Amino acid sequence: MSRVKTGPTKRARHNKVLARTKGFRMTKNRLYKVAHEAYMHALEYAFRGRKLRKRDFRSLWITRINAGLRQIDEKYSYSRFIADLNKKGITLNRKSLAELAANDFSTFSAVVDEVRSNAK
């Protein structure tokens, strides 16, 4: 079997990793071994971040809805509102409710009034 030399292949692989770590600090963008380690960690962080982003946005929407509810009535809480929403059978998701609370408060107030009308 003939001998295979990996010089050009190895150089291309190294350059690909170094190109992807271009903005990293210190030796993490210059030395292959350190850069490869940093690159592998960056991929893990990116994967985890895509999962956490969903959680973070849901938390933000809940905070915005609760803030809007507190402007309408100081004692009306988010959990009570969601329970009333489900009892009433209204299927608005948290994202759209948060958008209404932040940008179109009159419509949000109308939705809250509709939910509260038969809840009491």
PDB file of N, CA and C in Angstrom:
ATOM      1  N   MET A   1       0.844  -1.178   0.000  1.00  0.00           N
ATOM      2  CA  MET A   1       0.000   0.000   0.000  1.00  0.00           C
ATOM      3  C   MET A   1       0.892   1.245   0.000  1.00  0.00           C
ATOM      4  N   SER A   2       0.509   2.219  -0.781  1.00  0.00           N
ATOM      5  CA  SER A   2       1.334   3.416  -0.888  1.00  0.00           C
ATOM      6  C   SER A   2       1.120   4.359   0.295  1.00  0.00           C
ATOM      7  N   ARG A   3       2.116   5.159   0.536  1.00  0.00           N
ATOM      8  CA  ARG A   3       2.088   6.087   1.661  1.00  0.00           C
ATOM      9  C   ARG A   3       1.304   7.340   1.281  1.00  0.00           C
ATOM     10  N   VAL A   4       0.467   7.801   2.192  1.00  0.00           N
ATOM     11  CA  VAL A   4      -0.313   9.015   1.956  1.00  0.00           C
ATOM     12  C   VAL A   4       0.229  10.109   2.857  1.00  0.00           C
ATOM     13  N   LYS A   5       0.583  11.225   2.240  1.00  0.00           N
ATOM     14  CA  LYS A   5       1.068  12.361   3.022  1.00  0.00           C
ATOM     15  C   LYS A   5      -0.103  13.333   3.220  1.00  0.00           C
ATOM     16  N   THR A   6      -0.259  13.839   4.432  1.00  0.00           N
ATOM     17  CA  THR A   6      -1.447  14.632   4.760  1.00  0.00           C
ATOM     18  C   THR A   6      -1.165  16.136   4.886  1.00  0.00           C
ATOM     19  N   GLY A   7      -0.028  16.579   4.394  1.00  0.00           N
ATOM     20  CA  GLY A   7       0.349  17.987   4.557  1.00  0.00           C
ATOM     21  C   GLY A   7      -0.704  18.980   4.085  1.00  0.00           C
ATOM     22  N   PRO A   8      -1.098  18.947   2.800  1.00  0.00           N
ATOM     23  CA  PRO A   8      -2.088  19.920   2.315  1.00  0.00           C
ATOM     24  C   PRO A   8      -3.454  19.780   3.000  1.00  0.00           C
ATOM     25  N   THR A   9      -3.857  18.546   3.281  1.00  0.00           N
ATOM     26  CA  THR A   9      -5.149  18.312   3.931  1.00  0.00           C
ATOM     27  C   THR A   9      -5.146  18.868   5.353  1.00  0.00           C
ATOM     28  N   LYS A  10      -4.040  18.598   6.064  1.00  0.00           N
ATOM     29  CA  LYS A  10      -3.936  19.084   7.432  1.00  0.00           C
ATOM     30  C   LYS A  10      -3.915  20.605   7.459  1.00  0.00           C
ATOM     31  N   ARG A  11      -3.159  21.212   6.543  1.00  0.00           N
ATOM     32  CA  ARG A  11      -3.080  22.677   6.485  1.00  0.00           C
ATOM     33  C   ARG A  11      -4.467  23.275   6.202  1.00  0.00           C
ATOM     34  N   ALA A  12      -5.237  22.651   5.298  1.00  0.00           N
ATOM     35  CA  ALA A  12      -6.575  23.154   4.973  1.00  0.00           C
ATOM     36  C   ALA A  12      -7.497  23.046   6.184  1.00  0.00           C
ATOM     37  N   ARG A  13      -7.395  21.931   6.904  1.00  0.00           N
ATOM     38  CA  ARG A  13      -8.226  21.742   8.085  1.00  0.00           C
ATOM     39  C   ARG A  13      -7.871  22.766   9.167  1.00  0.00           C
ATOM     40  N   HIS A  14      -6.593  22.991   9.354  1.00  0.00           N
ATOM     41  CA  HIS A  14      -6.155  23.979  10.332  1.00  0.00           C
ATOM     42  C   HIS A  14      -6.623  25.377   9.945  1.00  0.00           C
ATOM     43  N   ASN A  15      -6.482  25.715   8.686  1.00  0.00           N
ATOM     44  CA  ASN A  15      -6.890  27.046   8.229  1.00  0.00           C
ATOM     45  C   ASN A  15      -8.393  27.259   8.381  1.00  0.00           C
ATOM     46  N   LYS A  16      -9.161  26.194   8.188  1.00  0.00           N
ATOM     47  CA  LYS A  16     -10.615  26.300   8.341  1.00  0.00           C
ATOM     48  C   LYS A  16     -10.977  26.626   9.795  1.00  0.00           C
ATOM     49  N   VAL A  17     -10.334  25.953  10.727  1.00  0.00           N
ATOM     50  CA  VAL A  17     -10.582  26.216  12.141  1.00  0.00           C
ATOM     51  C   VAL A  17     -10.115  27.620  12.506  1.00  0.00           C
ATOM     52  N   LEU A  18      -8.929  28.011  12.037  1.00  0.00           N
ATOM     53  CA  LEU A  18      -8.402  29.339  12.351  1.00  0.00           C
ATOM     54  C   LEU A  18      -9.262  30.443  11.741  1.00  0.00           C
ATOM     55  N   ALA A  19      -9.862  30.183  10.591  1.00  0.00           N
ATOM     56  CA  ALA A  19     -10.757  31.178   9.987  1.00  0.00           C
ATOM     57  C   ALA A  19     -12.024  31.333  10.819  1.00  0.00           C
ATOM     58  N   ARG A  20     -12.499  30.246  11.399  1.00  0.00           N
ATOM     59  CA  ARG A  20     -13.726  30.302  12.207  1.00  0.00           C
ATOM     60  C   ARG A  20     -13.496  30.907  13.585  1.00  0.00           C
ATOM     61  N   THR A  21     -12.248  30.944  14.027  1.00  0.00           N
ATOM     62  CA  THR A  21     -11.941  31.530  15.332  1.00  0.00           C
ATOM     63  C   THR A  21     -11.295  32.903  15.175  1.00  0.00           C
ATOM     64  N   LYS A  22     -11.550  33.557  14.070  1.00  0.00           N
ATOM     65  CA  LYS A  22     -10.873  34.809  13.740  1.00  0.00           C
ATOM     66  C   LYS A  22     -11.078  35.904  14.782  1.00  0.00           C
ATOM     67  N   GLY A  23     -12.258  36.036  15.340  1.00  0.00           N
ATOM     68  CA  GLY A  23     -12.522  37.112  16.281  1.00  0.00           C
ATOM     69  C   GLY A  23     -12.200  36.781  17.727  1.00  0.00           C
ATOM     70  N   PHE A  24     -11.682  35.589  17.987  1.00  0.00           N
ATOM     71  CA  PHE A  24     -11.402  35.187  19.353  1.00  0.00           C
ATOM     72  C   PHE A  24     -10.170  35.920  19.879  1.00  0.00           C
ATOM     73  N   ARG A  25     -10.040  36.000  21.199  1.00  0.00           N
ATOM     74  CA  ARG A  25      -8.968  36.778  21.811  1.00  0.00           C
ATOM     75  C   ARG A  25      -7.723  35.937  22.070  1.00  0.00           C
ATOM     76  N   MET A  26      -6.614  36.640  22.122  1.00  0.00           N
ATOM     77  CA  MET A  26      -5.302  36.106  22.493  1.00  0.00           C
ATOM     78  C   MET A  26      -4.887  34.971  21.556  1.00  0.00           C
ATOM     79  N   THR A  27      -4.399  33.865  22.077  1.00  0.00           N
ATOM     80  CA  THR A  27      -3.889  32.808  21.201  1.00  0.00           C
ATOM     81  C   THR A  27      -5.000  31.943  20.629  1.00  0.00           C
ATOM     82  N   LYS A  28      -6.232  32.200  21.059  1.00  0.00           N
ATOM     83  CA  LYS A  28      -7.345  31.376  20.580  1.00  0.00           C
ATOM     84  C   LYS A  28      -7.644  31.606  19.106  1.00  0.00           C
ATOM     85  N   ASN A  29      -7.044  32.621  18.505  1.00  0.00           N
ATOM     86  CA  ASN A  29      -7.248  32.818  17.067  1.00  0.00           C
ATOM     87  C   ASN A  29      -5.971  32.595  16.270  1.00  0.00           C
ATOM     88  N   ARG A  30      -4.880  32.183  16.952  1.00  0.00           N
ATOM     89  CA  ARG A  30      -3.607  32.019  16.250  1.00  0.00           C
ATOM     90  C   ARG A  30      -3.054  30.594  16.318  1.00  0.00           C
ATOM     91  N   LEU A  31      -3.133  29.972  17.478  1.00  0.00           N
ATOM     92  CA  LEU A  31      -2.564  28.637  17.655  1.00  0.00           C
ATOM     93  C   LEU A  31      -3.639  27.588  17.427  1.00  0.00           C
ATOM     94  N   TYR A  32      -3.352  26.637  16.549  1.00  0.00           N
ATOM     95  CA  TYR A  32      -4.379  25.680  16.141  1.00  0.00           C
ATOM     96  C   TYR A  32      -4.955  24.907  17.321  1.00  0.00           C
ATOM     97  N   LYS A  33      -4.101  24.366  18.174  1.00  0.00           N
ATOM     98  CA  LYS A  33      -4.585  23.506  19.248  1.00  0.00           C
ATOM     99  C   LYS A  33      -5.526  24.270  20.187  1.00  0.00           C
ATOM    100  N   VAL A  34      -5.133  25.471  20.553  1.00  0.00           N
ATOM    101  CA  VAL A  34      -5.951  26.298  21.438  1.00  0.00           C
ATOM    102  C   VAL A  34      -7.210  26.758  20.707  1.00  0.00           C
ATOM    103  N   ALA A  35      -7.046  27.122  19.438  1.00  0.00           N
ATOM    104  CA  ALA A  35      -8.183  27.598  18.639  1.00  0.00           C
ATOM    105  C   ALA A  35      -9.213  26.493  18.449  1.00  0.00           C
ATOM    106  N   HIS A  36      -8.749  25.279  18.215  1.00  0.00           N
ATOM    107  CA  HIS A  36      -9.667  24.159  18.022  1.00  0.00           C
ATOM    108  C   HIS A  36     -10.473  23.900  19.289  1.00  0.00           C
ATOM    109  N   GLU A  37      -9.811  23.957  20.441  1.00  0.00           N
ATOM    110  CA  GLU A  37     -10.485  23.765  21.719  1.00  0.00           C
ATOM    111  C   GLU A  37     -11.552  24.849  21.932  1.00  0.00           C
ATOM    112  N   ALA A  38     -11.175  26.097  21.649  1.00  0.00           N
ATOM    113  CA  ALA A  38     -12.109  27.212  21.815  1.00  0.00           C
ATOM    114  C   ALA A  38     -13.274  27.091  20.846  1.00  0.00           C
ATOM    115  N   TYR A  39     -12.990  26.634  19.631  1.00  0.00           N
ATOM    116  CA  TYR A  39     -14.025  26.469  18.614  1.00  0.00           C
ATOM    117  C   TYR A  39     -15.030  25.389  19.024  1.00  0.00           C
ATOM    118  N   MET A  40     -14.528  24.288  19.582  1.00  0.00           N
ATOM    119  CA  MET A  40     -15.423  23.223  20.017  1.00  0.00           C
ATOM    120  C   MET A  40     -16.315  23.702  21.168  1.00  0.00           C
ATOM    121  N   HIS A  41     -15.743  24.477  22.086  1.00  0.00           N
ATOM    122  CA  HIS A  41     -16.552  25.028  23.166  1.00  0.00           C
ATOM    123  C   HIS A  41     -17.584  26.007  22.624  1.00  0.00           C
ATOM    124  N   ALA A  42     -17.185  26.815  21.638  1.00  0.00           N
ATOM    125  CA  ALA A  42     -18.114  27.785  21.059  1.00  0.00           C
ATOM    126  C   ALA A  42     -19.310  27.088  20.427  1.00  0.00           C
ATOM    127  N   LEU A  43     -19.072  25.951  19.788  1.00  0.00           N
ATOM    128  CA  LEU A  43     -20.181  25.191  19.198  1.00  0.00           C
ATOM    129  C   LEU A  43     -21.121  24.681  20.286  1.00  0.00           C
ATOM    130  N   GLU A  44     -20.560  24.252  21.411  1.00  0.00           N
ATOM    131  CA  GLU A  44     -21.406  23.785  22.520  1.00  0.00           C
ATOM    132  C   GLU A  44     -22.235  24.930  23.093  1.00  0.00           C
ATOM    133  N   TYR A  45     -21.598  26.083  23.261  1.00  0.00           N
ATOM    134  CA  TYR A  45     -22.312  27.240  23.798  1.00  0.00           C
ATOM    135  C   TYR A  45     -23.429  27.673  22.850  1.00  0.00           C
ATOM    136  N   ALA A  46     -23.151  27.607  21.554  1.00  0.00           N
ATOM    137  CA  ALA A  46     -24.159  28.002  20.569  1.00  0.00           C
ATOM    138  C   ALA A  46     -25.354  27.050  20.611  1.00  0.00           C
ATOM    139  N   PHE A  47     -25.094  25.768  20.732  1.00  0.00           N
ATOM    140  CA  PHE A  47     -26.162  24.775  20.811  1.00  0.00           C
ATOM    141  C   PHE A  47     -27.019  25.030  22.048  1.00  0.00           C
ATOM    142  N   ARG A  48     -26.348  25.222  23.191  1.00  0.00           N
ATOM    143  CA  ARG A  48     -27.062  25.479  24.436  1.00  0.00           C
ATOM    144  C   ARG A  48     -27.830  26.790  24.349  1.00  0.00           C
ATOM    145  N   GLY A  49     -27.225  27.788  23.724  1.00  0.00           N
ATOM    146  CA  GLY A  49     -27.868  29.095  23.598  1.00  0.00           C
ATOM    147  C   GLY A  49     -29.155  29.044  22.796  1.00  0.00           C
ATOM    148  N   ARG A  50     -29.190  28.200  21.780  1.00  0.00           N
ATOM    149  CA  ARG A  50     -30.418  28.071  20.983  1.00  0.00           C
ATOM    150  C   ARG A  50     -31.550  27.495  21.818  1.00  0.00           C
ATOM    151  N   LYS A  51     -31.219  26.649  22.782  1.00  0.00           N
ATOM    152  CA  LYS A  51     -32.242  26.109  23.678  1.00  0.00           C
ATOM    153  C   LYS A  51     -32.665  27.145  24.720  1.00  0.00           C
ATOM    154  N   LEU A  52     -31.690  27.878  25.266  1.00  0.00           N
ATOM    155  CA  LEU A  52     -31.977  28.867  26.303  1.00  0.00           C
ATOM    156  C   LEU A  52     -32.765  30.054  25.764  1.00  0.00           C
ATOM    157  N   ARG A  53     -32.559  30.378  24.483  1.00  0.00           N
ATOM    158  CA  ARG A  53     -33.249  31.530  23.900  1.00  0.00           C
ATOM    159  C   ARG A  53     -34.760  31.381  23.993  1.00  0.00           C
ATOM    160  N   LYS A  54     -35.254  30.179  23.782  1.00  0.00           N
ATOM    161  CA  LYS A  54     -36.699  29.929  23.868  1.00  0.00           C
ATOM    162  C   LYS A  54     -37.203  30.193  25.284  1.00  0.00           C
ATOM    163  N   ARG A  55     -36.441  29.734  26.282  1.00  0.00           N
ATOM    164  CA  ARG A  55     -36.799  29.946  27.673  1.00  0.00           C
ATOM    165  C   ARG A  55     -36.766  31.435  28.027  1.00  0.00           C
ATOM    166  N   ASP A  56     -35.734  32.125  27.549  1.00  0.00           N
ATOM    167  CA  ASP A  56     -35.581  33.552  27.852  1.00  0.00           C
ATOM    168  C   ASP A  56     -36.719  34.373  27.264  1.00  0.00           C
ATOM    169  N   PHE A  57     -37.109  34.061  26.019  1.00  0.00           N
ATOM    170  CA  PHE A  57     -38.189  34.814  25.401  1.00  0.00           C
ATOM    171  C   PHE A  57     -39.518  34.568  26.101  1.00  0.00           C
ATOM    172  N   ARG A  58     -39.782  33.327  26.485  1.00  0.00           N
ATOM    173  CA  ARG A  58     -41.022  33.046  27.213  1.00  0.00           C
ATOM    174  C   ARG A  58     -41.067  33.832  28.515  1.00  0.00           C
ATOM    175  N   SER A  59     -39.950  33.888  29.213  1.00  0.00           N
ATOM    176  CA  SER A  59     -39.870  34.650  30.455  1.00  0.00           C
ATOM    177  C   SER A  59     -40.110  36.140  30.209  1.00  0.00           C
ATOM    178  N   LEU A  60     -39.548  36.661  29.126  1.00  0.00           N
ATOM    179  CA  LEU A  60     -39.747  38.067  28.778  1.00  0.00           C
ATOM    180  C   LEU A  60     -41.216  38.354  28.472  1.00  0.00           C
ATOM    181  N   TRP A  61     -41.855  37.455  27.718  1.00  0.00           N
ATOM    182  CA  TRP A  61     -43.275  37.647  27.380  1.00  0.00           C
ATOM    183  C   TRP A  61     -44.132  37.643  28.642  1.00  0.00           C
ATOM    184  N   ILE A  62     -43.854  36.726  29.557  1.00  0.00           N
ATOM    185  CA  ILE A  62     -44.623  36.646  30.798  1.00  0.00           C
ATOM    186  C   ILE A  62     -44.451  37.930  31.608  1.00  0.00           C
ATOM    187  N   THR A  63     -43.235  38.445  31.662  1.00  0.00           N
ATOM    188  CA  THR A  63     -42.976  39.689  32.391  1.00  0.00           C
ATOM    189  C   THR A  63     -43.756  40.849  31.780  1.00  0.00           C
ATOM    190  N   ARG A  64     -43.779  40.932  30.460  1.00  0.00           N
ATOM    191  CA  ARG A  64     -44.495  42.019  29.784  1.00  0.00           C
ATOM    192  C   ARG A  64     -46.001  41.920  29.992  1.00  0.00           C
ATOM    193  N   ILE A  65     -46.524  40.708  29.920  1.00  0.00           N
ATOM    194  CA  ILE A  65     -47.963  40.518  30.137  1.00  0.00           C
ATOM    195  C   ILE A  65     -48.317  40.908  31.571  1.00  0.00           C
ATOM    196  N   ASN A  66     -47.516  40.468  32.522  1.00  0.00           N
ATOM    197  CA  ASN A  66     -47.782  40.773  33.919  1.00  0.00           C
ATOM    198  C   ASN A  66     -47.704  42.277  34.175  1.00  0.00           C
ATOM    199  N   ALA A  67     -46.753  42.954  33.554  1.00  0.00           N
ATOM    200  CA  ALA A  67     -46.643  44.411  33.709  1.00  0.00           C
ATOM    201  C   ALA A  67     -47.880  45.106  33.143  1.00  0.00           C
ATOM    202  N   GLY A  68     -48.360  44.633  32.000  1.00  0.00           N
ATOM    203  CA  GLY A  68     -49.577  45.204  31.417  1.00  0.00           C
ATOM    204  C   GLY A  68     -50.796  44.972  32.288  1.00  0.00           C
ATOM    205  N   LEU A  69     -50.877  43.791  32.878  1.00  0.00           N
ATOM    206  CA  LEU A  69     -51.999  43.479  33.766  1.00  0.00           C
ATOM    207  C   LEU A  69     -51.970  44.349  35.013  1.00  0.00           C
ATOM    208  N   ARG A  70     -50.789  44.592  35.553  1.00  0.00           N
ATOM    209  CA  ARG A  70     -50.665  45.412  36.758  1.00  0.00           C
ATOM    210  C   ARG A  70     -51.051  46.866  36.486  1.00  0.00           C
ATOM    211  N   GLN A  71     -50.876  47.322  35.228  1.00  0.00           N
ATOM    212  CA  GLN A  71     -51.316  48.676  34.888  1.00  0.00           C
ATOM    213  C   GLN A  71     -52.834  48.767  34.886  1.00  0.00           C
ATOM    214  N   ILE A  72     -53.492  47.696  34.492  1.00  0.00           N
ATOM    215  CA  ILE A  72     -54.954  47.680  34.457  1.00  0.00           C
ATOM    216  C   ILE A  72     -55.519  47.540  35.865  1.00  0.00           C
ATOM    217  N   ASP A  73     -55.029  46.552  36.602  1.00  0.00           N
ATOM    218  CA  ASP A  73     -55.500  46.326  37.967  1.00  0.00           C
ATOM    219  C   ASP A  73     -54.324  45.827  38.797  1.00  0.00           C
ATOM    220  N   GLU A  74     -54.049  46.515  39.882  1.00  0.00           N
ATOM    221  CA  GLU A  74     -52.885  46.208  40.714  1.00  0.00           C
ATOM    222  C   GLU A  74     -52.931  44.785  41.276  1.00  0.00           C
ATOM    223  N   LYS A  75     -54.120  44.242  41.505  1.00  0.00           N
ATOM    224  CA  LYS A  75     -54.238  42.937  42.150  1.00  0.00           C
ATOM    225  C   LYS A  75     -54.426  41.784  41.164  1.00  0.00           C
ATOM    226  N   TYR A  76     -54.609  42.102  39.875  1.00  0.00           N
ATOM    227  CA  TYR A  76     -54.835  41.055  38.880  1.00  0.00           C
ATOM    228  C   TYR A  76     -53.485  40.526  38.419  1.00  0.00           C
ATOM    229  N   SER A  77     -53.226  39.242  38.679  1.00  0.00           N
ATOM    230  CA  SER A  77     -51.908  38.677  38.396  1.00  0.00           C
ATOM    231  C   SER A  77     -51.900  37.911  37.073  1.00  0.00           C
ATOM    232  N   TYR A  78     -50.703  37.608  36.640  1.00  0.00           N
ATOM    233  CA  TYR A  78     -50.506  36.863  35.405  1.00  0.00           C
ATOM    234  C   TYR A  78     -51.132  35.473  35.500  1.00  0.00           C
ATOM    235  N   SER A  79     -50.912  34.793  36.617  1.00  0.00           N
ATOM    236  CA  SER A  79     -51.404  33.420  36.745  1.00  0.00           C
ATOM    237  C   SER A  79     -52.931  33.375  36.727  1.00  0.00           C
ATOM    238  N   ARG A  80     -53.559  34.326  37.384  1.00  0.00           N
ATOM    239  CA  ARG A  80     -55.022  34.401  37.378  1.00  0.00           C
ATOM    240  C   ARG A  80     -55.527  34.681  35.959  1.00  0.00           C
ATOM    241  N   PHE A  81     -54.830  35.573  35.258  1.00  0.00           N
ATOM    242  CA  PHE A  81     -55.212  35.929  33.888  1.00  0.00           C
ATOM    243  C   PHE A  81     -55.140  34.715  32.961  1.00  0.00           C
ATOM    244  N   ILE A  82     -54.057  33.950  33.043  1.00  0.00           N
ATOM    245  CA  ILE A  82     -53.898  32.774  32.183  1.00  0.00           C
ATOM    246  C   ILE A  82     -54.959  31.725  32.518  1.00  0.00           C
ATOM    247  N   ALA A  83     -55.264  31.560  33.796  1.00  0.00           N
ATOM    248  CA  ALA A  83     -56.307  30.606  34.191  1.00  0.00           C
ATOM    249  C   ALA A  83     -57.661  31.040  33.628  1.00  0.00           C
ATOM    250  N   ASP A  84     -57.969  32.340  33.727  1.00  0.00           N
ATOM    251  CA  ASP A  84     -59.227  32.861  33.187  1.00  0.00           C
ATOM    252  C   ASP A  84     -59.272  32.730  31.668  1.00  0.00           C
ATOM    253  N   LEU A  85     -58.121  32.948  31.037  1.00  0.00           N
ATOM    254  CA  LEU A  85     -58.020  32.833  29.576  1.00  0.00           C
ATOM    255  C   LEU A  85     -58.343  31.409  29.136  1.00  0.00           C
ATOM    256  N   ASN A  86     -57.814  30.437  29.857  1.00  0.00           N
ATOM    257  CA  ASN A  86     -58.065  29.034  29.521  1.00  0.00           C
ATOM    258  C   ASN A  86     -59.512  28.644  29.804  1.00  0.00           C
ATOM    259  N   LYS A  87     -60.086  29.148  30.909  1.00  0.00           N
ATOM    260  CA  LYS A  87     -61.490  28.860  31.206  1.00  0.00           C
ATOM    261  C   LYS A  87     -62.398  29.414  30.124  1.00  0.00           C
ATOM    262  N   LYS A  88     -62.053  30.578  29.641  1.00  0.00           N
ATOM    263  CA  LYS A  88     -62.853  31.252  28.622  1.00  0.00           C
ATOM    264  C   LYS A  88     -62.685  30.589  27.244  1.00  0.00           C
ATOM    265  N   GLY A  89     -61.595  29.840  27.061  1.00  0.00           N
ATOM    266  CA  GLY A  89     -61.361  29.155  25.792  1.00  0.00           C
ATOM    267  C   GLY A  89     -60.719  30.036  24.738  1.00  0.00           C
ATOM    268  N   ILE A  90     -60.086  31.097  25.159  1.00  0.00           N
ATOM    269  CA  ILE A  90     -59.405  31.995  24.220  1.00  0.00           C
ATOM    270  C   ILE A  90     -57.992  31.466  24.014  1.00  0.00           C
ATOM    271  N   THR A  91     -57.622  31.259  22.755  1.00  0.00           N
ATOM    272  CA  THR A  91     -56.319  30.686  22.466  1.00  0.00           C
ATOM    273  C   THR A  91     -55.391  31.743  21.877  1.00  0.00           C
ATOM    274  N   LEU A  92     -54.958  32.655  22.709  1.00  0.00           N
ATOM    275  CA  LEU A  92     -53.926  33.621  22.333  1.00  0.00           C
ATOM    276  C   LEU A  92     -52.629  33.194  23.002  1.00  0.00           C
ATOM    277  N   ASN A  93     -51.558  33.150  22.228  1.00  0.00           N
ATOM    278  CA  ASN A  93     -50.300  32.728  22.850  1.00  0.00           C
ATOM    279  C   ASN A  93     -49.626  33.903  23.559  1.00  0.00           C
ATOM    280  N   ARG A  94     -48.638  33.580  24.364  1.00  0.00           N
ATOM    281  CA  ARG A  94     -47.977  34.586  25.183  1.00  0.00           C
ATOM    282  C   ARG A  94     -47.246  35.618  24.346  1.00  0.00           C
ATOM    283  N   LYS A  95     -46.708  35.194  23.221  1.00  0.00           N
ATOM    284  CA  LYS A  95     -45.972  36.122  22.353  1.00  0.00           C
ATOM    285  C   LYS A  95     -46.887  37.229  21.851  1.00  0.00           C
ATOM    286  N   SER A  96     -48.055  36.877  21.358  1.00  0.00           N
ATOM    287  CA  SER A  96     -48.975  37.887  20.836  1.00  0.00           C
ATOM    288  C   SER A  96     -49.556  38.743  21.957  1.00  0.00           C
ATOM    289  N   LEU A  97     -49.809  38.144  23.118  1.00  0.00           N
ATOM    290  CA  LEU A  97     -50.299  38.926  24.252  1.00  0.00           C
ATOM    291  C   LEU A  97     -49.254  39.940  24.718  1.00  0.00           C
ATOM    292  N   ALA A  98     -47.995  39.530  24.747  1.00  0.00           N
ATOM    293  CA  ALA A  98     -46.922  40.446  25.147  1.00  0.00           C
ATOM    294  C   ALA A  98     -46.767  41.576  24.133  1.00  0.00           C
ATOM    295  N   GLU A  99     -46.923  41.251  22.858  1.00  0.00           N
ATOM    296  CA  GLU A  99     -46.844  42.271  21.805  1.00  0.00           C
ATOM    297  C   GLU A  99     -47.969  43.286  21.975  1.00  0.00           C
ATOM    298  N   LEU A 100     -49.163  42.802  22.272  1.00  0.00           N
ATOM    299  CA  LEU A 100     -50.286  43.712  22.510  1.00  0.00           C
ATOM    300  C   LEU A 100     -50.046  44.570  23.753  1.00  0.00           C
ATOM    301  N   ALA A 101     -49.543  43.971  24.811  1.00  0.00           N
ATOM    302  CA  ALA A 101     -49.305  44.711  26.052  1.00  0.00           C
ATOM    303  C   ALA A 101     -48.264  45.803  25.861  1.00  0.00           C
ATOM    304  N   ALA A 102     -47.263  45.540  25.027  1.00  0.00           N
ATOM    305  CA  ALA A 102     -46.180  46.501  24.845  1.00  0.00           C
ATOM    306  C   ALA A 102     -46.528  47.587  23.820  1.00  0.00           C
ATOM    307  N   ASN A 103     -47.220  47.220  22.738  1.00  0.00           N
ATOM    308  CA  ASN A 103     -47.382  48.151  21.622  1.00  0.00           C
ATOM    309  C   ASN A 103     -48.809  48.635  21.374  1.00  0.00           C
ATOM    310  N   ASP A 104     -49.807  47.866  21.803  1.00  0.00           N
ATOM    311  CA  ASP A 104     -51.202  48.261  21.549  1.00  0.00           C
ATOM    312  C   ASP A 104     -51.997  48.021  22.829  1.00  0.00           C
ATOM    313  N   PHE A 105     -51.839  48.941  23.773  1.00  0.00           N
ATOM    314  CA  PHE A 105     -52.393  48.722  25.109  1.00  0.00           C
ATOM    315  C   PHE A 105     -53.912  48.727  25.121  1.00  0.00           C
ATOM    316  N   SER A 106     -54.543  49.507  24.239  1.00  0.00           N
ATOM    317  CA  SER A 106     -56.010  49.551  24.227  1.00  0.00           C
ATOM    318  C   SER A 106     -56.593  48.188  23.828  1.00  0.00           C
ATOM    319  N   THR A 107     -55.989  47.538  22.847  1.00  0.00           N
ATOM    320  CA  THR A 107     -56.446  46.200  22.453  1.00  0.00           C
ATOM    321  C   THR A 107     -56.185  45.195  23.572  1.00  0.00           C
ATOM    322  N   PHE A 108     -55.043  45.313  24.221  1.00  0.00           N
ATOM    323  CA  PHE A 108     -54.724  44.432  25.339  1.00  0.00           C
ATOM    324  C   PHE A 108     -55.748  44.607  26.459  1.00  0.00           C
ATOM    325  N   SER A 109     -56.119  45.854  26.738  1.00  0.00           N
ATOM    326  CA  SER A 109     -57.132  46.120  27.770  1.00  0.00           C
ATOM    327  C   SER A 109     -58.470  45.493  27.402  1.00  0.00           C
ATOM    328  N   ALA A 110     -58.809  45.555  26.106  1.00  0.00           N
ATOM    329  CA  ALA A 110     -60.064  44.951  25.650  1.00  0.00           C
ATOM    330  C   ALA A 110     -60.042  43.437  25.850  1.00  0.00           C
ATOM    331  N   VAL A 111     -58.908  42.819  25.553  1.00  0.00           N
ATOM    332  CA  VAL A 111     -58.774  41.370  25.749  1.00  0.00           C
ATOM    333  C   VAL A 111     -58.907  41.030  27.229  1.00  0.00           C
ATOM    334  N   VAL A 112     -58.260  41.806  28.080  1.00  0.00           N
ATOM    335  CA  VAL A 112     -58.328  41.551  29.525  1.00  0.00           C
ATOM    336  C   VAL A 112     -59.758  41.725  30.023  1.00  0.00           C
ATOM    337  N   ASP A 113     -60.449  42.768  29.557  1.00  0.00           N
ATOM    338  CA  ASP A 113     -61.840  42.977  29.966  1.00  0.00           C
ATOM    339  C   ASP A 113     -62.727  41.817  29.523  1.00  0.00           C
ATOM    340  N   GLU A 114     -62.485  41.311  28.303  1.00  0.00           N
ATOM    341  CA  GLU A 114     -63.258  40.176  27.804  1.00  0.00           C
ATOM    342  C   GLU A 114     -63.023  38.940  28.647  1.00  0.00           C
ATOM    343  N   VAL A 115     -61.784  38.727  29.028  1.00  0.00           N
ATOM    344  CA  VAL A 115     -61.444  37.557  29.845  1.00  0.00           C
ATOM    345  C   VAL A 115     -62.059  37.675  31.238  1.00  0.00           C
ATOM    346  N   ARG A 116     -62.015  38.869  31.801  1.00  0.00           N
ATOM    347  CA  ARG A 116     -62.491  39.062  33.168  1.00  0.00           C
ATOM    348  C   ARG A 116     -64.012  39.133  33.260  1.00  0.00           C
ATOM    349  N   SER A 117     -64.720  39.390  32.163  1.00  0.00           N
ATOM    350  CA  SER A 117     -66.155  39.611  32.216  1.00  0.00           C
ATOM    351  C   SER A 117     -66.913  38.396  32.772  1.00  0.00           C
ATOM    352  N   ASN A 118     -66.599  37.212  32.305  1.00  0.00           N
ATOM    353  CA  ASN A 118     -67.305  36.013  32.770  1.00  0.00           C
ATOM    354  C   ASN A 118     -66.510  35.250  33.829  1.00  0.00           C
ATOM    355  N   ALA A 119     -65.303  35.715  34.113  1.00  0.00           N
ATOM    356  CA  ALA A 119     -64.479  34.987  35.081  1.00  0.00           C
ATOM    357  C   ALA A 119     -64.950  35.198  36.501  1.00  0.00           C
ATOM    358  N   LYS A 120     -65.552  36.340  36.789  1.00  0.00           N
ATOM    359  CA  LYS A 120     -65.955  36.660  38.165  1.00  0.00           C
ATOM    360  C   LYS A 120     -67.183  35.928  38.602  1.00  0.00           C
TER     361      LYS A 120
END
